[in-house]
Amino acid sequence: MLVNLFFLVTIISYTAVYAVASNPTTTEMNSNVSASNKSSSLLNWRNTISRCVRLYMEPNQLGDWFDICDSNELLSSTFVWRTRSICTPGNTNSFKKTYWLIYERSHFAGPYILLGHSKCIDDINQYKLLATMSILICVEKLQTKWDVFVSCQYPKRPWREFFPVNWHSDYKVISKSGTESADEAEASSLEEIESLIDLQENCVNNK
């Protein structure tokens, strides 16, 4: 009887010690796997062919982030006042370089930051930008001896406004090609050719 009791106590003690000793190893492994996945995801994004600029909620590319992959004349109010750092993808079309203009005001107005590919701004406050309200994407169109010309791709019309507007098909808008119906304007996006040198001279991160 005493032998059986001793044997039972020994088995229970061994099981308890094994369980306590094994738990920290499991937790540490899960932690390492999570950190590895997070780092791997960021690396994969930087090496992916993309037009998306990534905006972070904290300096030095930390915190929550979101991607903007097309020109946008008025970002969501959720992000306008919260962006603190920015990164562009590290791999774009080698034949047509992409540039991103991040504006302080809506509808591509006011001071702006200009970034090429593989560039980061660790803290936009260093350029005294009060907000990030609109983003314009420009793609290299033509190289000359003295300049590079880019095609800046504006969103389809009608652009979003601060307040809803009634948009009827018989409403007329004036474009560079003349008067066109709202339906025609909505179906087409605006394209404007700009001098890259001029854009670089006027951006706040070139002062």
Protein backbone atom coordinates (compact mmCIF):
# COMPACT_ATOMS: atom_id res chain seq x y z
CA MET A 1 0.00 0.00 0.00
CA LEU A 2 2.79 2.42 0.96
CA VAL A 3 4.70 1.52 -2.18
CA ASN A 4 1.69 2.29 -4.40
CA LEU A 5 1.08 5.64 -2.65
CA PHE A 6 4.74 6.66 -3.08
CA PHE A 7 4.64 5.71 -6.76
CA LEU A 8 1.45 7.78 -7.32
CA VAL A 9 2.88 10.89 -5.58
CA THR A 10 6.07 10.62 -7.67
CA ILE A 11 4.12 10.55 -10.97
CA ILE A 12 1.96 13.58 -9.98
CA SER A 13 5.02 15.63 -8.92
CA TYR A 14 6.89 14.85 -12.15
CA THR A 15 3.87 15.85 -14.30
CA ALA A 16 3.45 19.16 -12.44
CA VAL A 17 7.14 20.08 -12.77
CA TYR A 18 7.15 19.23 -16.50
CA ALA A 19 4.07 21.39 -17.17
CA VAL A 20 5.49 24.40 -15.31
CA ALA A 21 8.87 24.09 -17.04
CA SER A 22 7.42 23.73 -20.55
CA ASN A 23 5.04 26.74 -20.53
CA PRO A 24 7.67 29.56 -20.74
CA THR A 25 9.29 27.86 -23.74
CA THR A 26 5.96 27.74 -25.58
CA THR A 27 5.21 31.42 -24.82
CA GLU A 28 8.66 32.52 -25.96
CA MET A 29 8.35 30.57 -29.19
CA ASN A 30 4.98 32.16 -30.00
CA SER A 31 6.44 35.59 -29.28
CA ASN A 32 9.40 34.97 -31.58
CA VAL A 33 7.14 33.69 -34.37
CA SER A 34 4.92 36.78 -34.11
CA ALA A 35 7.88 39.16 -34.26
CA SER A 36 9.32 37.26 -37.22
CA ASN A 37 6.03 37.41 -39.13
CA LYS A 38 5.69 41.16 -38.49
CA SER A 39 9.22 41.85 -39.70
CA SER A 40 8.74 39.58 -42.71
CA SER A 41 5.50 41.31 -43.71
CA LEU A 42 7.16 44.73 -43.68
CA LEU A 43 10.11 43.43 -45.70
CA ASN A 44 7.82 41.81 -48.26
CA TRP A 45 5.87 45.06 -48.67
CA ARG A 46 9.03 47.11 -49.28
CA ASN A 47 10.14 44.62 -51.98
CA THR A 48 6.78 44.36 -53.73
CA ILE A 49 6.12 46.28 -56.94
CA SER A 50 3.57 48.77 -55.69
CA ARG A 51 2.21 52.30 -56.04
CA CYS A 52 1.08 52.43 -52.44
CA VAL A 53 2.50 54.91 -49.96
CA ARG A 54 2.30 53.78 -46.33
CA LEU A 55 1.32 56.26 -43.62
CA TYR A 56 2.09 55.44 -39.99
CA MET A 57 0.40 56.77 -36.86
CA GLU A 58 3.68 57.14 -34.96
CA PRO A 59 7.17 58.47 -35.80
CA ASN A 60 9.85 56.14 -37.19
CA GLN A 61 7.38 53.88 -39.02
CA LEU A 62 5.77 52.58 -35.84
CA GLY A 63 2.18 52.04 -34.76
CA ASP A 64 -0.89 51.46 -36.90
CA TRP A 65 -0.50 52.13 -40.62
CA PHE A 66 -2.59 52.35 -43.77
CA ASP A 67 -1.79 52.31 -47.50
CA ILE A 68 -2.92 54.82 -50.12
CA CYS A 69 -2.59 53.32 -53.60
CA ASP A 70 -4.23 56.00 -55.78
CA SER A 71 -4.36 59.77 -55.86
CA ASN A 72 -6.81 60.95 -53.23
CA GLU A 73 -8.02 64.55 -52.92
CA LEU A 74 -9.44 64.23 -49.40
CA LEU A 75 -8.31 61.50 -47.03
CA SER A 76 -10.59 60.17 -44.33
CA SER A 77 -10.72 62.38 -41.23
CA THR A 78 -9.51 59.33 -39.30
CA PHE A 79 -6.06 59.74 -40.87
CA VAL A 80 -5.77 63.45 -41.69
CA TRP A 81 -4.52 64.53 -38.27
CA ARG A 82 -2.83 61.31 -37.13
CA THR A 83 -0.11 60.58 -39.70
CA ARG A 84 3.37 60.98 -38.21
CA SER A 85 5.71 59.08 -40.55
CA ILE A 86 5.64 57.94 -44.18
CA CYS A 87 7.33 55.32 -46.37
CA THR A 88 7.17 54.59 -50.08
CA PRO A 89 7.66 51.09 -51.55
CA GLY A 90 11.16 50.02 -52.47
CA ASN A 91 10.37 48.49 -55.82
CA THR A 92 8.43 50.19 -58.61
CA ASN A 93 8.33 49.93 -62.39
CA SER A 94 11.94 50.48 -63.48
CA PHE A 95 10.83 52.06 -66.77
CA LYS A 96 8.45 54.56 -65.18
CA LYS A 97 9.51 55.92 -61.82
CA THR A 98 6.73 56.87 -59.43
CA TYR A 99 6.62 59.95 -57.18
CA TRP A 100 4.26 60.73 -54.32
CA LEU A 101 3.18 64.22 -53.25
CA ILE A 102 1.69 64.37 -49.76
CA TYR A 103 -0.21 67.65 -49.26
CA GLU A 104 -1.13 69.47 -46.07
CA ARG A 105 -4.47 70.60 -47.53
CA SER A 106 -7.26 68.92 -49.45
CA HIS A 107 -7.49 68.95 -53.27
CA PHE A 108 -3.69 68.97 -53.67
CA ALA A 109 -3.13 72.43 -52.23
CA GLY A 110 -0.69 73.96 -49.78
CA PRO A 111 2.73 72.72 -48.65
CA TYR A 112 3.68 69.21 -49.70
CA ILE A 113 6.30 66.50 -49.25
CA LEU A 114 7.69 64.89 -52.43
CA LEU A 115 9.03 61.33 -52.24
CA GLY A 116 10.50 58.93 -54.78
CA HIS A 117 10.63 55.16 -54.25
CA SER A 118 12.41 53.66 -51.21
CA LYS A 119 12.10 56.88 -49.21
CA CYS A 120 10.90 57.43 -45.66
CA ILE A 121 10.06 60.47 -43.56
CA ASP A 122 10.61 59.52 -39.91
CA ASP A 123 8.60 62.43 -38.53
CA ILE A 124 6.57 64.79 -40.72
CA ASN A 125 6.52 67.36 -37.89
CA GLN A 126 10.09 68.28 -38.82
CA TYR A 127 8.61 69.91 -41.95
CA LYS A 128 5.87 71.65 -39.95
CA LEU A 129 3.04 69.92 -41.83
CA LEU A 130 -0.10 70.29 -39.73
CA ALA A 131 -2.00 67.51 -41.52
CA THR A 132 -1.90 65.09 -44.45
CA MET A 133 -5.12 65.76 -46.32
CA SER A 134 -4.45 64.71 -49.93
CA ILE A 135 -2.01 62.58 -51.91
CA LEU A 136 -1.10 62.90 -55.58
CA ILE A 137 0.70 60.16 -57.52
CA CYS A 138 2.88 61.15 -60.48
CA VAL A 139 4.58 58.78 -62.93
CA GLU A 140 7.60 59.56 -65.08
CA LYS A 141 6.52 60.34 -68.63
CA LEU A 142 9.48 61.81 -70.50
CA GLN A 143 13.16 62.50 -69.88
CA THR A 144 14.96 65.35 -71.58
CA LYS A 145 18.50 66.67 -71.26
CA TRP A 146 17.47 69.33 -68.75
CA ASP A 147 14.39 67.97 -67.03
CA VAL A 148 12.10 65.03 -66.32
CA PHE A 149 8.38 65.36 -66.97
CA VAL A 150 5.87 63.42 -64.93
CA SER A 151 2.20 62.64 -65.44
CA CYS A 152 0.26 63.50 -62.28
CA GLN A 153 -2.86 61.38 -62.09
CA TYR A 154 -5.81 63.14 -60.53
CA PRO A 155 -8.87 61.15 -59.36
CA LYS A 156 -11.95 60.70 -61.47
CA ARG A 157 -14.47 63.51 -61.39
CA PRO A 158 -16.56 64.53 -59.60
CA TRP A 159 -14.08 64.86 -56.76
CA ARG A 160 -15.28 64.25 -53.24
CA GLU A 161 -16.28 67.38 -51.35
CA PHE A 162 -16.61 68.26 -47.68
CA PHE A 163 -20.40 68.25 -48.13
CA PRO A 164 -22.56 66.07 -50.43
CA VAL A 165 -23.41 67.58 -53.79
CA ASN A 166 -26.21 66.73 -56.20
CA TRP A 167 -24.63 65.37 -59.35
CA HIS A 168 -26.95 65.23 -62.36
CA SER A 169 -26.04 63.86 -65.78
CA ASP A 170 -27.02 67.13 -67.44
CA TYR A 171 -24.62 69.13 -65.26
CA LYS A 172 -21.75 70.62 -67.25
CA VAL A 173 -18.14 70.88 -66.15
CA ILE A 174 -15.25 72.64 -67.82
CA SER A 175 -12.15 70.57 -68.50
CA LYS A 176 -9.00 71.26 -70.47
CA SER A 177 -10.64 69.71 -73.49
CA GLY A 178 -13.71 71.95 -73.22
CA THR A 179 -17.25 71.43 -71.95
CA GLU A 180 -18.34 67.86 -71.30
CA SER A 181 -21.23 66.15 -69.58
CA ALA A 182 -20.89 64.98 -65.99
CA ASP A 183 -21.11 61.37 -67.12
CA GLU A 184 -18.17 61.88 -69.48
CA ALA A 185 -16.19 63.67 -66.81
CA GLU A 186 -16.87 60.96 -64.26
CA ALA A 187 -15.66 58.26 -66.64
CA SER A 188 -12.34 59.97 -67.26
CA SER A 189 -9.51 60.77 -64.89
CA LEU A 190 -7.50 63.97 -65.15
CA GLU A 191 -3.88 63.90 -66.19
CA GLU A 192 -1.50 66.81 -65.94
CA ILE A 193 2.12 66.96 -67.07
CA GLU A 194 4.48 68.59 -64.58
CA SER A 195 8.17 69.37 -64.44
CA LEU A 196 9.86 67.21 -61.82
CA ILE A 197 12.45 69.92 -61.19
CA ASP A 198 9.68 72.43 -60.39
CA LEU A 199 7.96 69.97 -58.08
CA GLN A 200 11.22 69.27 -56.26
CA GLU A 201 12.05 72.96 -55.87
CA ASN A 202 8.70 73.71 -54.25
CA CYS A 203 8.41 70.75 -51.86
CA VAL A 204 9.02 71.33 -48.14
CA ASN A 205 11.54 68.48 -47.84
CA ASN A 206 13.86 70.25 -50.29
CA LYS A 207 14.12 73.52 -48.38
